């Protein structure tokens, strides 16, 4: 909970900062600014928690598509094309979750190093 609060505070501070106006000029995202400003262990811990939450979202999407695949391939329609589509999406979401897990580990390491 504290890490989410830290991330929320960082995002709120950025929204009120003049640097956000420059972000529009550079077409940089708010998340990029947060990453660039992450210097303290608490900042990195908050980012790690953010990426773990994104990984969980991707795993939830993977589970949903795996479930839909069973419906497509096992239902009365028996359509293989829909099942194939869901299988590919589930695999992609699995890869996305792994990438977010990697980012979380990176920020965990940065937090430990900054202490």
PDB file of N, CA and C in Angstrom:
ATOM      1  N   UNK A   1       0.823  -1.188   0.000  1.00  0.00           N
ATOM      2  CA  UNK A   1       0.000   0.000   0.000  1.00  0.00           C
ATOM      3  C   UNK A   1       0.864   1.247   0.000  1.00  0.00           C
ATOM      4  N   UNK A   2       1.949   1.212   0.778  1.00  0.00           N
ATOM      5  CA  UNK A   2       2.826   2.379   0.853  1.00  0.00           C
ATOM      6  C   UNK A   2       3.481   2.646  -0.492  1.00  0.00           C
ATOM      7  N   UNK A   3       3.808   1.589  -1.230  1.00  0.00           N
ATOM      8  CA  UNK A   3       4.451   1.795  -2.523  1.00  0.00           C
ATOM      9  C   UNK A   3       3.481   2.411  -3.525  1.00  0.00           C
ATOM     10  N   UNK A   4       2.244   2.020  -3.469  1.00  0.00           N
ATOM     11  CA  UNK A   4       1.247   2.641  -4.351  1.00  0.00           C
ATOM     12  C   UNK A   4       1.058   4.099  -3.980  1.00  0.00           C
ATOM     13  N   UNK A   5       1.095   4.377  -2.688  1.00  0.00           N
ATOM     14  CA  UNK A   5       0.970   5.761  -2.236  1.00  0.00           C
ATOM     15  C   UNK A   5       2.155   6.570  -2.726  1.00  0.00           C
ATOM     16  N   UNK A   6       3.342   6.006  -2.642  1.00  0.00           N
ATOM     17  CA  UNK A   6       4.540   6.703  -3.123  1.00  0.00           C
ATOM     18  C   UNK A   6       4.431   7.008  -4.601  1.00  0.00           C
ATOM     19  N   UNK A   7       3.991   6.023  -5.382  1.00  0.00           N
ATOM     20  CA  UNK A   7       3.844   6.228  -6.820  1.00  0.00           C
ATOM     21  C   UNK A   7       2.794   7.288  -7.097  1.00  0.00           C
ATOM     22  N   UNK A   8       1.697   7.248  -6.363  1.00  0.00           N
ATOM     23  CA  UNK A   8       0.641   8.248  -6.558  1.00  0.00           C
ATOM     24  C   UNK A   8       1.161   9.640  -6.228  1.00  0.00           C
ATOM     25  N   UNK A   9       1.937   9.754  -5.162  1.00  0.00           N
ATOM     26  CA  UNK A   9       2.504  11.051  -4.795  1.00  0.00           C
ATOM     27  C   UNK A   9       3.476  11.546  -5.859  1.00  0.00           C
ATOM     28  N   UNK A  10       4.284  10.641  -6.395  1.00  0.00           N
ATOM     29  CA  UNK A  10       5.220  11.023  -7.461  1.00  0.00           C
ATOM     30  C   UNK A  10       4.469  11.508  -8.684  1.00  0.00           C
ATOM     31  N   UNK A  11       3.438  10.769  -9.064  1.00  0.00           N
ATOM     32  CA  UNK A  11       2.655  11.164 -10.232  1.00  0.00           C
ATOM     33  C   UNK A  11       1.961  12.501 -10.003  1.00  0.00           C
ATOM     34  N   UNK A  12       1.423  12.694  -8.799  1.00  0.00           N
ATOM     35  CA  UNK A  12       0.770  13.954  -8.476  1.00  0.00           C
ATOM     36  C   UNK A  12       1.737  15.118  -8.524  1.00  0.00           C
ATOM     37  N   UNK A  13       2.930  14.923  -7.998  1.00  0.00           N
ATOM     38  CA  UNK A  13       3.937  15.983  -8.027  1.00  0.00           C
ATOM     39  C   UNK A  13       4.318  16.325  -9.459  1.00  0.00           C
ATOM     40  N   UNK A  14       4.395  15.305 -10.284  1.00  0.00           N
ATOM     41  CA  UNK A  14       4.735  15.558 -11.686  1.00  0.00           C
ATOM     42  C   UNK A  14       3.647  16.335 -12.406  1.00  0.00           C
ATOM     43  N   UNK A  15       2.408  16.024 -12.092  1.00  0.00           N
ATOM     44  CA  UNK A  15       1.312  16.728 -12.745  1.00  0.00           C
ATOM     45  C   UNK A  15       1.338  18.217 -12.447  1.00  0.00           C
ATOM     46  N   UNK A  16       1.828  18.559 -11.280  1.00  0.00           N
ATOM     47  CA  UNK A  16       1.883  19.957 -10.874  1.00  0.00           C
ATOM     48  C   UNK A  16       3.193  20.629 -11.235  1.00  0.00           C
ATOM     49  N   UNK A  17       4.144  19.877 -11.769  1.00  0.00           N
ATOM     50  CA  UNK A  17       5.458  20.445 -12.050  1.00  0.00           C
ATOM     51  C   UNK A  17       5.512  21.056 -13.444  1.00  0.00           C
ATOM     52  N   UNK A  18       6.366  22.076 -13.621  1.00  0.00           N
ATOM     53  CA  UNK A  18       6.525  22.671 -14.946  1.00  0.00           C
ATOM     54  C   UNK A  18       7.161  21.708 -15.936  1.00  0.00           C
ATOM     55  N   UNK A  19       7.837  20.683 -15.438  1.00  0.00           N
ATOM     56  CA  UNK A  19       8.460  19.710 -16.332  1.00  0.00           C
ATOM     57  C   UNK A  19       7.459  18.950 -17.171  1.00  0.00           C
ATOM     58  N   UNK A  20       6.219  18.871 -16.709  1.00  0.00           N
ATOM     59  CA  UNK A  20       5.204  18.154 -17.471  1.00  0.00           C
ATOM     60  C   UNK A  20       4.887  18.868 -18.777  1.00  0.00           C
ATOM     61  N   UNK A  21       4.931  20.183 -18.775  1.00  0.00           N
ATOM     62  CA  UNK A  21       4.686  20.927 -20.005  1.00  0.00           C
ATOM     63  C   UNK A  21       5.755  20.587 -21.029  1.00  0.00           C
ATOM     64  N   UNK A  22       6.980  20.467 -20.574  1.00  0.00           N
ATOM     65  CA  UNK A  22       8.065  20.106 -21.487  1.00  0.00           C
ATOM     66  C   UNK A  22       7.871  18.695 -22.018  1.00  0.00           C
ATOM     67  N   UNK A  23       7.231  17.845 -21.228  1.00  0.00           N
ATOM     68  CA  UNK A  23       7.010  16.466 -21.666  1.00  0.00           C
ATOM     69  C   UNK A  23       6.141  16.432 -22.901  1.00  0.00           C
ATOM     70  N   UNK A  24       5.167  17.323 -22.983  1.00  0.00           N
ATOM     71  CA  UNK A  24       4.315  17.363 -24.169  1.00  0.00           C
ATOM     72  C   UNK A  24       5.110  17.736 -25.396  1.00  0.00           C
ATOM     73  N   UNK A  25       6.069  18.651 -25.224  1.00  0.00           N
ATOM     74  CA  UNK A  25       6.912  19.063 -26.343  1.00  0.00           C
ATOM     75  C   UNK A  25       7.772  17.917 -26.834  1.00  0.00           C
ATOM     76  N   UNK A  26       8.280  17.123 -25.917  1.00  0.00           N
ATOM     77  CA  UNK A  26       9.153  16.011 -26.271  1.00  0.00           C
ATOM     78  C   UNK A  26       8.374  14.746 -26.598  1.00  0.00           C
ATOM     79  N   UNK A  27       7.081  14.795 -26.452  1.00  0.00           N
ATOM     80  CA  UNK A  27       6.203  13.641 -26.666  1.00  0.00           C
ATOM     81  C   UNK A  27       6.588  12.488 -25.740  1.00  0.00           C
ATOM     82  N   UNK A  28       7.114  12.828 -24.549  1.00  0.00           N
ATOM     83  CA  UNK A  28       7.434  11.799 -23.559  1.00  0.00           C
ATOM     84  C   UNK A  28       6.215  11.565 -22.695  1.00  0.00           C
ATOM     85  N   UNK A  29       6.081  10.355 -22.248  1.00  0.00           N
ATOM     86  CA  UNK A  29       4.940  10.014 -21.406  1.00  0.00           C
ATOM     87  C   UNK A  29       5.221  10.376 -19.954  1.00  0.00           C
ATOM     88  N   UNK A  30       4.172  10.450 -19.186  1.00  0.00           N
ATOM     89  CA  UNK A  30       4.286  10.705 -17.757  1.00  0.00           C
ATOM     90  C   UNK A  30       5.120   9.611 -17.104  1.00  0.00           C
ATOM     91  N   UNK A  31       4.924   8.380 -17.541  1.00  0.00           N
ATOM     92  CA  UNK A  31       5.675   7.272 -16.963  1.00  0.00           C
ATOM     93  C   UNK A  31       7.172   7.429 -17.231  1.00  0.00           C
ATOM     94  N   UNK A  32       7.539   7.907 -18.398  1.00  0.00           N
ATOM     95  CA  UNK A  32       8.951   8.129 -18.687  1.00  0.00           C
ATOM     96  C   UNK A  32       9.542   9.166 -17.739  1.00  0.00           C
ATOM     97  N   UNK A  33       8.777  10.210 -17.464  1.00  0.00           N
ATOM     98  CA  UNK A  33       9.255  11.224 -16.534  1.00  0.00           C
ATOM     99  C   UNK A  33       9.452  10.650 -15.143  1.00  0.00           C
ATOM    100  N   UNK A  34       8.533   9.816 -14.700  1.00  0.00           N
ATOM    101  CA  UNK A  34       8.653   9.211 -13.377  1.00  0.00           C
ATOM    102  C   UNK A  34       9.914   8.355 -13.308  1.00  0.00           C
ATOM    103  N   UNK A  35      10.155   7.573 -14.353  1.00  0.00           N
ATOM    104  CA  UNK A  35      11.344   6.713 -14.385  1.00  0.00           C
ATOM    105  C   UNK A  35      12.606   7.563 -14.340  1.00  0.00           C
ATOM    106  N   UNK A  36      12.628   8.658 -15.103  1.00  0.00           N
ATOM    107  CA  UNK A  36      13.802   9.520 -15.125  1.00  0.00           C
ATOM    108  C   UNK A  36      14.040  10.192 -13.776  1.00  0.00           C
ATOM    109  N   UNK A  37      12.977  10.443 -13.022  1.00  0.00           N
ATOM    110  CA  UNK A  37      13.096  11.122 -11.742  1.00  0.00           C
ATOM    111  C   UNK A  37      13.306  10.159 -10.582  1.00  0.00           C
ATOM    112  N   UNK A  38      13.275   8.867 -10.817  1.00  0.00           N
ATOM    113  CA  UNK A  38      13.401   7.875  -9.754  1.00  0.00           C
ATOM    114  C   UNK A  38      14.858   7.799  -9.295  1.00  0.00           C
ATOM    115  N   UNK A  39      15.126   8.434  -8.168  1.00  0.00           N
ATOM    116  CA  UNK A  39      16.483   8.427  -7.640  1.00  0.00           C
ATOM    117  C   UNK A  39      16.565   7.789  -6.262  1.00  0.00           C
ATOM    118  N   UNK A  40      15.487   7.773  -5.542  1.00  0.00           N
ATOM    119  CA  UNK A  40      15.519   7.238  -4.185  1.00  0.00           C
ATOM    120  C   UNK A  40      15.055   5.785  -4.182  1.00  0.00           C
ATOM    121  N   UNK A  41      15.432   5.048  -3.162  1.00  0.00           N
ATOM    122  CA  UNK A  41      14.934   3.673  -3.049  1.00  0.00           C
ATOM    123  C   UNK A  41      13.407   3.610  -3.059  1.00  0.00           C
ATOM    124  N   UNK A  42      12.758   4.592  -2.421  1.00  0.00           N
ATOM    125  CA  UNK A  42      11.287   4.600  -2.385  1.00  0.00           C
ATOM    126  C   UNK A  42      10.709   4.771  -3.790  1.00  0.00           C
ATOM    127  N   UNK A  43      11.339   5.616  -4.610  1.00  0.00           N
ATOM    128  CA  UNK A  43      10.869   5.797  -5.992  1.00  0.00           C
ATOM    129  C   UNK A  43      10.967   4.496  -6.768  1.00  0.00           C
ATOM    130  N   UNK A  44      12.109   3.831  -6.642  1.00  0.00           N
ATOM    131  CA  UNK A  44      12.302   2.568  -7.363  1.00  0.00           C
ATOM    132  C   UNK A  44      11.374   1.475  -6.833  1.00  0.00           C
ATOM    133  N   UNK A  45      11.142   1.473  -5.544  1.00  0.00           N
ATOM    134  CA  UNK A  45      10.223   0.495  -4.957  1.00  0.00           C
ATOM    135  C   UNK A  45       8.810   0.724  -5.472  1.00  0.00           C
ATOM    136  N   UNK A  46       8.426   1.988  -5.582  1.00  0.00           N
ATOM    137  CA  UNK A  46       7.095   2.312  -6.111  1.00  0.00           C
ATOM    138  C   UNK A  46       6.972   1.881  -7.565  1.00  0.00           C
ATOM    139  N   UNK A  47       8.020   2.112  -8.349  1.00  0.00           N
ATOM    140  CA  UNK A  47       7.978   1.683  -9.752  1.00  0.00           C
ATOM    141  C   UNK A  47       7.930   0.162  -9.855  1.00  0.00           C
ATOM    142  N   UNK A  48       8.666  -0.530  -9.005  1.00  0.00           N
ATOM    143  CA  UNK A  48       8.630  -1.993  -9.007  1.00  0.00           C
ATOM    144  C   UNK A  48       7.219  -2.489  -8.720  1.00  0.00           C
ATOM    145  N   UNK A  49       6.553  -1.874  -7.759  1.00  0.00           N
ATOM    146  CA  UNK A  49       5.175  -2.261  -7.441  1.00  0.00           C
ATOM    147  C   UNK A  49       4.250  -1.979  -8.619  1.00  0.00           C
ATOM    148  N   UNK A  50       4.459  -0.864  -9.282  1.00  0.00           N
ATOM    149  CA  UNK A  50       3.653  -0.511 -10.465  1.00  0.00           C
ATOM    150  C   UNK A  50       3.809  -1.584 -11.545  1.00  0.00           C
ATOM    151  N   UNK A  51       5.056  -1.988 -11.806  1.00  0.00           N
ATOM    152  CA  UNK A  51       5.283  -2.995 -12.846  1.00  0.00           C
ATOM    153  C   UNK A  51       4.782  -4.371 -12.436  1.00  0.00           C
ATOM    154  N   UNK A  52       4.835  -4.690 -11.147  1.00  0.00           N
ATOM    155  CA  UNK A  52       4.246  -5.962 -10.706  1.00  0.00           C
ATOM    156  C   UNK A  52       2.733  -5.961 -10.922  1.00  0.00           C
ATOM    157  N   UNK A  53       2.097  -4.817 -10.673  1.00  0.00           N
ATOM    158  CA  UNK A  53       0.649  -4.712 -10.911  1.00  0.00           C
ATOM    159  C   UNK A  53       0.345  -4.859 -12.396  1.00  0.00           C
ATOM    160  N   UNK A  54       1.175  -4.259 -13.258  1.00  0.00           N
ATOM    161  CA  UNK A  54       0.979  -4.392 -14.710  1.00  0.00           C
ATOM    162  C   UNK A  54       1.161  -5.855 -15.127  1.00  0.00           C
ATOM    163  N   UNK A  55       2.107  -6.551 -14.522  1.00  0.00           N
ATOM    164  CA  UNK A  55       2.317  -7.970 -14.831  1.00  0.00           C
ATOM    165  C   UNK A  55       1.092  -8.780 -14.439  1.00  0.00           C
ATOM    166  N   UNK A  56       0.505  -8.467 -13.293  1.00  0.00           N
ATOM    167  CA  UNK A  56      -0.705  -9.171 -12.867  1.00  0.00           C
ATOM    168  C   UNK A  56      -1.861  -8.910 -13.828  1.00  0.00           C
ATOM    169  N   UNK A  57      -1.981  -7.685 -14.316  1.00  0.00           N
ATOM    170  CA  UNK A  57      -3.019  -7.372 -15.311  1.00  0.00           C
ATOM    171  C   UNK A  57      -2.815  -8.217 -16.562  1.00  0.00           C
ATOM    172  N   UNK A  58      -1.566  -8.330 -17.006  1.00  0.00           N
ATOM    173  CA  UNK A  58      -1.274  -9.128 -18.201  1.00  0.00           C
ATOM    174  C   UNK A  58      -1.592 -10.603 -17.951  1.00  0.00           C
ATOM    175  N   UNK A  59      -1.284 -11.105 -16.745  1.00  0.00           N
ATOM    176  CA  UNK A  59      -1.615 -12.503 -16.436  1.00  0.00           C
ATOM    177  C   UNK A  59      -3.129 -12.711 -16.396  1.00  0.00           C
ATOM    178  N   UNK A  60      -3.871 -11.713 -15.916  1.00  0.00           N
ATOM    179  CA  UNK A  60      -5.339 -11.812 -15.920  1.00  0.00           C
ATOM    180  C   UNK A  60      -5.853 -11.856 -17.359  1.00  0.00           C
ATOM    181  N   UNK A  61      -5.274 -11.053 -18.240  1.00  0.00           N
ATOM    182  CA  UNK A  61      -5.660 -11.093 -19.652  1.00  0.00           C
ATOM    183  C   UNK A  61      -5.320 -12.444 -20.264  1.00  0.00           C
ATOM    184  N   UNK A  62      -4.151 -13.008 -19.893  1.00  0.00           N
ATOM    185  CA  UNK A  62      -3.775 -14.329 -20.387  1.00  0.00           C
ATOM    186  C   UNK A  62      -4.799 -15.373 -19.958  1.00  0.00           C
ATOM    187  N   UNK A  63      -5.189 -15.344 -18.673  1.00  0.00           N
ATOM    188  CA  UNK A  63      -6.180 -16.316 -18.180  1.00  0.00           C
ATOM    189  C   UNK A  63      -7.515 -16.159 -18.910  1.00  0.00           C
ATOM    190  N   UNK A  64      -7.903 -14.910 -19.149  1.00  0.00           N
ATOM    191  CA  UNK A  64      -9.174 -14.658 -19.844  1.00  0.00           C
ATOM    192  C   UNK A  64      -9.138 -15.242 -21.252  1.00  0.00           C
ATOM    193  N   UNK A  65      -8.034 -15.054 -21.956  1.00  0.00           N
ATOM    194  CA  UNK A  65      -7.943 -15.577 -23.320  1.00  0.00           C
ATOM    195  C   UNK A  65      -7.821 -17.098 -23.338  1.00  0.00           C
ATOM    196  N   UNK A  66      -7.181 -17.666 -22.342  1.00  0.00           N
ATOM    197  CA  UNK A  66      -7.133 -19.131 -22.257  1.00  0.00           C
ATOM    198  C   UNK A  66      -8.534 -19.682 -22.044  1.00  0.00           C
ATOM    199  N   UNK A  67      -9.304 -19.003 -21.218  1.00  0.00           N
ATOM    200  CA  UNK A  67     -10.683 -19.417 -20.970  1.00  0.00           C
ATOM    201  C   UNK A  67     -11.522 -19.285 -22.243  1.00  0.00           C
ATOM    202  N   UNK A  68     -11.342 -18.172 -22.932  1.00  0.00           N
ATOM    203  CA  UNK A  68     -12.090 -17.963 -24.179  1.00  0.00           C
ATOM    204  C   UNK A  68     -11.716 -19.013 -25.218  1.00  0.00           C
ATOM    205  N   UNK A  69     -10.448 -19.438 -25.222  1.00  0.00           N
ATOM    206  CA  UNK A  69     -10.024 -20.469 -26.173  1.00  0.00           C
ATOM    207  C   UNK A  69     -10.793 -21.761 -25.934  1.00  0.00           C
ATOM    208  N   UNK A  70     -10.958 -22.111 -24.663  1.00  0.00           N
ATOM    209  CA  UNK A  70     -11.719 -23.330 -24.353  1.00  0.00           C
ATOM    210  C   UNK A  70     -13.161 -23.207 -24.835  1.00  0.00           C
ATOM    211  N   UNK A  71     -13.712 -22.002 -24.717  1.00  0.00           N
ATOM    212  CA  UNK A  71     -15.083 -21.787 -25.184  1.00  0.00           C
ATOM    213  C   UNK A  71     -15.162 -21.930 -26.703  1.00  0.00           C
ATOM    214  N   UNK A  72     -14.217 -21.296 -27.396  1.00  0.00           N
ATOM    215  CA  UNK A  72     -14.217 -21.366 -28.863  1.00  0.00           C
ATOM    216  C   UNK A  72     -14.021 -22.793 -29.368  1.00  0.00           C
ATOM    217  N   UNK A  73     -13.098 -23.506 -28.794  1.00  0.00           N
ATOM    218  CA  UNK A  73     -12.787 -24.829 -29.324  1.00  0.00           C
ATOM    219  C   UNK A  73     -13.697 -25.925 -28.790  1.00  0.00           C
ATOM    220  N   UNK A  74     -14.349 -25.689 -27.652  1.00  0.00           N
ATOM    221  CA  UNK A  74     -15.171 -26.740 -27.069  1.00  0.00           C
ATOM    222  C   UNK A  74     -16.660 -26.513 -27.205  1.00  0.00           C
ATOM    223  N   UNK A  75     -17.049 -25.351 -27.692  1.00  0.00           N
ATOM    224  CA  UNK A  75     -18.470 -25.039 -27.789  1.00  0.00           C
ATOM    225  C   UNK A  75     -19.118 -25.648 -29.016  1.00  0.00           C
ATOM    226  N   UNK A  76     -20.379 -25.313 -29.199  1.00  0.00           N
ATOM    227  CA  UNK A  76     -21.134 -25.829 -30.340  1.00  0.00           C
ATOM    228  C   UNK A  76     -20.534 -25.340 -31.657  1.00  0.00           C
ATOM    229  N   UNK A  77     -19.967 -24.130 -31.629  1.00  0.00           N
ATOM    230  CA  UNK A  77     -19.377 -23.589 -32.852  1.00  0.00           C
ATOM    231  C   UNK A  77     -18.142 -24.382 -33.249  1.00  0.00           C
ATOM    232  N   UNK A  78     -17.346 -24.761 -32.255  1.00  0.00           N
ATOM    233  CA  UNK A  78     -16.152 -25.546 -32.534  1.00  0.00           C
ATOM    234  C   UNK A  78     -15.191 -24.866 -33.487  1.00  0.00           C
ATOM    235  N   UNK A  79     -15.117 -23.553 -33.456  1.00  0.00           N
ATOM    236  CA  UNK A  79     -14.274 -22.832 -34.394  1.00  0.00           C
ATOM    237  C   UNK A  79     -12.807 -22.854 -33.958  1.00  0.00           C
ATOM    238  N   UNK A  80     -11.970 -23.376 -34.790  1.00  0.00           N
ATOM    239  CA  UNK A  80     -10.534 -23.447 -34.508  1.00  0.00           C
ATOM    240  C   UNK A  80      -9.874 -22.079 -34.684  1.00  0.00           C
ATOM    241  N   UNK A  81     -10.383 -21.278 -35.587  1.00  0.00           N
ATOM    242  CA  UNK A  81      -9.782 -19.965 -35.846  1.00  0.00           C
ATOM    243  C   UNK A  81      -9.852 -19.091 -34.602  1.00  0.00           C
ATOM    244  N   UNK A  82     -10.997 -19.063 -33.947  1.00  0.00           N
ATOM    245  CA  UNK A  82     -11.137 -18.289 -32.716  1.00  0.00           C
ATOM    246  C   UNK A  82     -10.231 -18.811 -31.626  1.00  0.00           C
ATOM    247  N   UNK A  83     -10.119 -20.125 -31.534  1.00  0.00           N
ATOM    248  CA  UNK A  83      -9.240 -20.737 -30.542  1.00  0.00           C
ATOM    249  C   UNK A  83      -7.784 -20.408 -30.793  1.00  0.00           C
ATOM    250  N   UNK A  84      -7.389 -20.398 -32.058  1.00  0.00           N
ATOM    251  CA  UNK A  84      -6.013 -20.067 -32.417  1.00  0.00           C
ATOM    252  C   UNK A  84      -5.708 -18.611 -32.044  1.00  0.00           C
ATOM    253  N   UNK A  85      -6.655 -17.727 -32.336  1.00  0.00           N
ATOM    254  CA  UNK A  85      -6.520 -16.312 -32.003  1.00  0.00           C
ATOM    255  C   UNK A  85      -6.300 -16.152 -30.496  1.00  0.00           C
ATOM    256  N   UNK A  86      -7.116 -16.804 -29.699  1.00  0.00           N
ATOM    257  CA  UNK A  86      -7.014 -16.694 -28.246  1.00  0.00           C
ATOM    258  C   UNK A  86      -5.707 -17.305 -27.734  1.00  0.00           C
ATOM    259  N   UNK A  87      -5.266 -18.387 -28.356  1.00  0.00           N
ATOM    260  CA  UNK A  87      -4.003 -19.014 -27.952  1.00  0.00           C
ATOM    261  C   UNK A  87      -2.835 -18.060 -28.190  1.00  0.00           C
ATOM    262  N   UNK A  88      -2.831 -17.399 -29.322  1.00  0.00           N
ATOM    263  CA  UNK A  88      -1.760 -16.441 -29.634  1.00  0.00           C
ATOM    264  C   UNK A  88      -1.792 -15.252 -28.673  1.00  0.00           C
ATOM    265  N   UNK A  89      -2.995 -14.738 -28.395  1.00  0.00           N
ATOM    266  CA  UNK A  89      -3.098 -13.616 -27.465  1.00  0.00           C
ATOM    267  C   UNK A  89      -2.644 -14.021 -26.061  1.00  0.00           C
ATOM    268  N   UNK A  90      -3.017 -15.198 -25.618  1.00  0.00           N
ATOM    269  CA  UNK A  90      -2.594 -15.669 -24.291  1.00  0.00           C
ATOM    270  C   UNK A  90      -1.069 -15.739 -24.217  1.00  0.00           C
ATOM    271  N   UNK A  91      -0.444 -16.218 -25.273  1.00  0.00           N
ATOM    272  CA  UNK A  91       1.024 -16.293 -25.297  1.00  0.00           C
ATOM    273  C   UNK A  91       1.639 -14.896 -25.264  1.00  0.00           C
ATOM    274  N   UNK A  92       1.047 -13.972 -25.979  1.00  0.00           N
ATOM    275  CA  UNK A  92       1.567 -12.598 -25.966  1.00  0.00           C
ATOM    276  C   UNK A  92       1.436 -11.974 -24.579  1.00  0.00           C
ATOM    277  N   UNK A  93       0.283 -12.165 -23.943  1.00  0.00           N
ATOM    278  CA  UNK A  93       0.104 -11.606 -22.606  1.00  0.00           C
ATOM    279  C   UNK A  93       1.053 -12.257 -21.603  1.00  0.00           C
ATOM    280  N   UNK A  94       1.381 -13.511 -21.806  1.00  0.00           N
ATOM    281  CA  UNK A  94       2.354 -14.178 -20.951  1.00  0.00           C
ATOM    282  C   UNK A  94       3.726 -13.520 -21.112  1.00  0.00           C
ATOM    283  N   UNK A  95       4.095 -13.211 -22.338  1.00  0.00           N
ATOM    284  CA  UNK A  95       5.366 -12.523 -22.600  1.00  0.00           C
ATOM    285  C   UNK A  95       5.373 -11.124 -22.000  1.00  0.00           C
ATOM    286  N   UNK A  96       4.261 -10.425 -22.126  1.00  0.00           N
ATOM    287  CA  UNK A  96       4.152  -9.079 -21.560  1.00  0.00           C
ATOM    288  C   UNK A  96       4.325  -9.138 -20.041  1.00  0.00           C
ATOM    289  N   UNK A  97       3.686 -10.108 -19.406  1.00  0.00           N
ATOM    290  CA  UNK A  97       3.820 -10.255 -17.951  1.00  0.00           C
ATOM    291  C   UNK A  97       5.275 -10.492 -17.572  1.00  0.00           C
ATOM    292  N   UNK A  98       5.968 -11.316 -18.334  1.00  0.00           N
ATOM    293  CA  UNK A  98       7.376 -11.588 -18.051  1.00  0.00           C
ATOM    294  C   UNK A  98       8.224 -10.325 -18.189  1.00  0.00           C
ATOM    295  N   UNK A  99       7.910  -9.501 -19.172  1.00  0.00           N
ATOM    296  CA  UNK A  99       8.644  -8.240 -19.350  1.00  0.00           C
ATOM    297  C   UNK A  99       8.408  -7.309 -18.167  1.00  0.00           C
ATOM    298  N   UNK A 100       7.167  -7.200 -17.729  1.00  0.00           N
ATOM    299  CA  UNK A 100       6.870  -6.352 -16.571  1.00  0.00           C
ATOM    300  C   UNK A 100       7.532  -6.901 -15.307  1.00  0.00           C
ATOM    301  N   UNK A 101       7.566  -8.221 -15.159  1.00  0.00           N
ATOM    302  CA  UNK A 101       8.263  -8.817 -14.015  1.00  0.00           C
ATOM    303  C   UNK A 101       9.741  -8.437 -14.050  1.00  0.00           C
ATOM    304  N   UNK A 102      10.323  -8.447 -15.244  1.00  0.00           N
ATOM    305  CA  UNK A 102      11.726  -8.059 -15.391  1.00  0.00           C
ATOM    306  C   UNK A 102      11.961  -6.612 -14.993  1.00  0.00           C
ATOM    307  N   UNK A 103      11.047  -5.723 -15.405  1.00  0.00           N
ATOM    308  CA  UNK A 103      11.171  -4.319 -15.018  1.00  0.00           C
ATOM    309  C   UNK A 103      11.043  -4.149 -13.512  1.00  0.00           C
ATOM    310  N   UNK A 104      10.150  -4.896 -12.898  1.00  0.00           N
ATOM    311  CA  UNK A 104       9.999  -4.828 -11.440  1.00  0.00           C
ATOM    312  C   UNK A 104      11.288  -5.268 -10.760  1.00  0.00           C
ATOM    313  N   UNK A 105      11.886  -6.335 -11.252  1.00  0.00           N
ATOM    314  CA  UNK A 105      13.146  -6.814 -10.679  1.00  0.00           C
ATOM    315  C   UNK A 105      14.255  -5.775 -10.862  1.00  0.00           C
ATOM    316  N   UNK A 106      14.279  -5.115 -12.004  1.00  0.00           N
ATOM    317  CA  UNK A 106      15.275  -4.080 -12.258  1.00  0.00           C
ATOM    318  C   UNK A 106      15.150  -2.956 -11.231  1.00  0.00           C
ATOM    319  N   UNK A 107      13.920  -2.500 -10.993  1.00  0.00           N
ATOM    320  CA  UNK A 107      13.719  -1.416 -10.028  1.00  0.00           C
ATOM    321  C   UNK A 107      13.935  -1.883  -8.591  1.00  0.00           C
ATOM    322  N   UNK A 108      13.641  -3.135  -8.289  1.00  0.00           N
ATOM    323  CA  UNK A 108      13.981  -3.680  -6.966  1.00  0.00           C
ATOM    324  C   UNK A 108      15.496  -3.616  -6.753  1.00  0.00           C
ATOM    325  N   UNK A 109      16.242  -3.992  -7.785  1.00  0.00           N
ATOM    326  CA  UNK A 109      17.711  -3.956  -7.696  1.00  0.00           C
ATOM    327  C   UNK A 109      18.206  -2.516  -7.559  1.00  0.00           C
ATOM    328  N   UNK A 110      17.607  -1.599  -8.296  1.00  0.00           N
ATOM    329  CA  UNK A 110      17.997  -0.185  -8.188  1.00  0.00           C
ATOM    330  C   UNK A 110      17.703   0.361  -6.787  1.00  0.00           C
ATOM    331  N   UNK A 111      16.577  -0.043  -6.224  1.00  0.00           N
ATOM    332  CA  UNK A 111      16.230   0.395  -4.868  1.00  0.00           C
ATOM    333  C   UNK A 111      17.259  -0.128  -3.861  1.00  0.00           C
ATOM    334  N   UNK A 112      17.652  -1.381  -4.023  1.00  0.00           N
ATOM    335  CA  UNK A 112      18.642  -1.971  -3.115  1.00  0.00           C
ATOM    336  C   UNK A 112      19.999  -1.300  -3.280  1.00  0.00           C
ATOM    337  N   UNK A 113      20.349  -0.985  -4.508  1.00  0.00           N
ATOM    338  CA  UNK A 113      21.638  -0.350  -4.793  1.00  0.00           C
ATOM    339  C   UNK A 113      21.670   1.085  -4.248  1.00  0.00           C
ATOM    340  N   UNK A 114      20.545   1.778  -4.284  1.00  0.00           N
ATOM    341  CA  UNK A 114      20.485   3.180  -3.861  1.00  0.00           C
ATOM    342  C   UNK A 114      20.492   3.334  -2.342  1.00  0.00           C
ATOM    343  N   UNK A 115      20.300   2.255  -1.621  1.00  0.00           N
ATOM    344  CA  UNK A 115      20.270   2.359  -0.146  1.00  0.00           C
ATOM    345  C   UNK A 115      21.644   2.502   0.435  1.00  0.00           C
TER     346      UNK A 115
END
